[in-house]
Protein backbone atom coordinates (compact mmCIF):
# COMPACT_ATOMS: atom_id res chain seq x y z
CA MET A 1 -25.23 -96.06 116.53
CA GLU A 2 -27.90 -95.91 113.50
CA TYR A 3 -29.27 -98.73 111.71
CA GLN A 4 -31.38 -98.80 108.69
CA VAL A 5 -34.76 -99.96 108.82
CA PRO A 6 -35.91 -102.07 105.83
CA GLN A 7 -38.69 -100.41 103.81
CA PHE A 8 -41.64 -102.12 101.76
CA ILE A 9 -40.88 -105.50 103.21
CA GLU A 10 -44.21 -106.63 101.91
CA VAL A 11 -43.08 -106.16 98.39
CA GLU A 12 -41.90 -109.34 96.63
CA ASP A 13 -38.48 -108.89 94.64
CA LYS A 14 -38.93 -109.34 91.00
CA ILE A 15 -36.33 -112.05 89.79
CA PHE A 16 -37.53 -113.31 86.34
CA GLY A 17 -37.84 -110.21 84.52
CA PRO A 18 -41.38 -108.78 85.52
CA LEU A 19 -42.31 -111.75 87.55
CA THR A 20 -41.47 -112.55 90.95
CA LEU A 21 -40.30 -116.32 91.89
CA ARG A 22 -43.74 -117.19 93.11
CA GLN A 23 -45.32 -115.86 89.92
CA PHE A 24 -42.79 -117.65 87.85
CA ILE A 25 -43.12 -120.84 89.42
CA TYR A 26 -46.89 -120.62 88.78
CA ILE A 27 -46.44 -120.22 85.62
CA ILE A 28 -44.12 -122.47 84.64
CA GLY A 29 -46.10 -125.07 86.28
CA GLY A 30 -48.85 -124.36 84.13
CA VAL A 31 -47.09 -124.42 81.27
CA GLY A 32 -45.33 -127.78 82.11
CA ILE A 33 -48.71 -129.62 82.87
CA SER A 34 -49.96 -128.03 79.28
CA ALA A 35 -47.17 -129.29 77.76
CA VAL A 36 -47.47 -132.89 79.08
CA ALA A 37 -51.10 -132.94 78.23
CA PHE A 38 -50.40 -131.94 74.82
CA LEU A 39 -47.76 -134.13 73.83
CA THR A 40 -49.43 -137.18 75.44
CA LEU A 41 -53.00 -137.05 74.68
CA PRO A 42 -55.00 -136.23 71.60
CA PHE A 43 -55.35 -132.60 70.72
CA PHE A 44 -59.15 -132.46 71.73
CA VAL A 45 -58.61 -134.14 75.16
CA ALA A 46 -55.77 -132.16 75.99
CA LEU A 47 -57.71 -128.94 75.18
CA PHE A 48 -60.12 -129.78 78.21
CA ILE A 49 -56.64 -129.86 80.33
CA ILE A 50 -54.95 -127.13 78.75
CA VAL A 51 -57.78 -124.32 79.02
CA PRO A 52 -58.46 -125.05 82.63
CA THR A 53 -54.79 -125.06 83.82
CA GLY A 54 -53.77 -122.03 81.91
CA ILE A 55 -56.63 -120.40 83.48
CA PHE A 56 -55.62 -121.50 87.07
CA ALA A 57 -52.17 -120.68 86.64
CA PHE A 58 -52.91 -117.39 85.51
CA LEU A 59 -55.18 -116.70 88.02
CA LEU A 60 -52.46 -117.79 90.91
CA ALA A 61 -49.88 -115.90 89.48
CA PHE A 62 -51.51 -112.29 88.89
CA TYR A 63 -55.11 -112.06 90.44
CA LYS A 64 -55.71 -110.78 93.40
CA LEU A 65 -58.87 -110.32 95.34
CA ASN A 66 -59.32 -107.45 98.04
CA ASN A 67 -55.64 -107.42 98.18
CA LYS A 68 -55.28 -111.06 98.57
CA PRO A 69 -53.46 -113.38 96.52
CA PHE A 70 -55.67 -115.99 94.73
CA ILE A 71 -53.97 -118.92 96.51
CA GLU A 72 -55.21 -117.76 99.97
CA ILE A 73 -58.79 -117.41 98.51
CA PHE A 74 -58.41 -120.79 97.13
CA GLU A 75 -56.89 -122.29 100.04
CA ALA A 76 -59.74 -120.93 102.29
CA ALA A 77 -62.52 -122.30 99.76
CA PHE A 78 -61.04 -125.70 99.63
CA ASN A 79 -60.94 -125.91 103.37
CA TYR A 80 -64.37 -124.68 103.57
CA TYR A 81 -65.68 -127.44 101.24
CA THR A 82 -63.67 -130.15 102.77
CA ASN A 83 -64.09 -129.66 106.59
CA ARG A 84 -66.86 -130.51 108.38
CA ARG A 85 -69.38 -127.81 109.41
CA LEU A 86 -71.19 -128.72 112.22
CA TYR A 87 -71.88 -125.71 114.60
CA LEU A 88 -73.38 -126.41 118.33
CA TRP A 89 -74.45 -123.79 120.71
CA LYS A 90 -73.70 -124.62 124.30
CA LYS A 91 -75.04 -122.27 126.76
CA GLU A 92 -72.95 -121.70 129.67
CA GLN A 93 -74.13 -120.68 133.05
CA LYS A 94 -72.51 -117.62 134.35
CA ARG A 95 -71.34 -118.10 137.69
CA VAL A 96 -71.64 -115.34 140.07
CA ALA A 97 -68.86 -114.53 142.64
CA ILE A 98 -69.86 -114.80 146.39
CA GLU A 99 -67.98 -111.21 146.99
CA GLN A 100 -70.19 -108.82 144.87
CA ALA A 101 -72.20 -106.24 146.20
CA PRO A 102 -75.40 -107.27 148.36
CA GLN A 103 -78.50 -107.33 146.26
CA LYS A 104 -81.97 -107.02 147.12
CA LYS A 105 -83.66 -110.35 148.16
CA GLU A 106 -86.94 -110.83 146.42
CA SER A 107 -89.65 -113.01 148.22
CA PRO A 108 -89.44 -116.53 146.56
CA VAL A 109 -93.27 -116.66 147.33
CA LEU A 110 -94.16 -113.61 144.97
CA ALA A 111 -91.62 -114.55 142.01
CA LYS A 112 -93.01 -118.00 141.77
CA SER A 113 -96.63 -117.28 141.73
CA LEU A 114 -96.49 -114.09 139.36
CA SER A 115 -97.69 -115.07 136.15
CA ALA A 116 -97.47 -113.02 132.85
CA GLN A 117 -100.95 -112.24 132.65
CA LYS A 118 -100.59 -111.13 136.69
CA LEU A 119 -97.84 -109.15 135.74
CA HIS A 120 -99.57 -107.52 132.83
CA ASP A 121 -102.48 -106.51 134.94
CA LEU A 122 -100.42 -105.43 137.67
CA ALA A 123 -98.41 -102.92 135.30
CA TRP A 124 -101.62 -101.79 133.86
CA SER A 125 -103.21 -100.98 137.07
CA LEU A 126 -100.19 -98.97 137.93
CA ASP A 127 -100.23 -97.21 134.92
CA ILE A 128 -103.74 -95.86 135.44
CA LYS A 129 -103.17 -95.31 139.16
CA GLY A 130 -99.94 -93.26 138.08
CA SER A 131 -101.51 -91.21 135.63
CA THR A 132 -104.39 -89.74 137.99
CA GLN A 133 -101.60 -88.64 140.57
CA LYS A 134 -100.29 -85.02 140.35
CA PRO A 135 -96.26 -85.05 139.77
CA ASP A 136 -93.96 -84.16 142.24
CA THR A 137 -92.45 -80.83 142.07
CA LEU A 138 -89.22 -79.44 143.67
């Protein structure tokens, strides 16, 4: 039996002319809020509500940033500004399994008494002695 696999499932259907259902709801919502503000408030006060509402409704309906709808970007920004941002770093000790391959055991006396200056002096003396010897040949 053959079945048809749906194609282009990421594209929304155009229901109201050139608008999808989501775009239509955003535009109607913006127009509705603007109409209520225009009818109930004085014109100059309503203008300060109508313009931002119209811009916001237009952005919600049509604007995409990096192929993401504006509502997702707005939601991420809202969550970022409203949630707490306290970042703590806790260093976790790595536990070593007992069944690992055997490792060299270093002398605990040497490891404790070796300071940074002694280590530097030792490395410098090894460099000088190593440069005067002939390299081993095969």
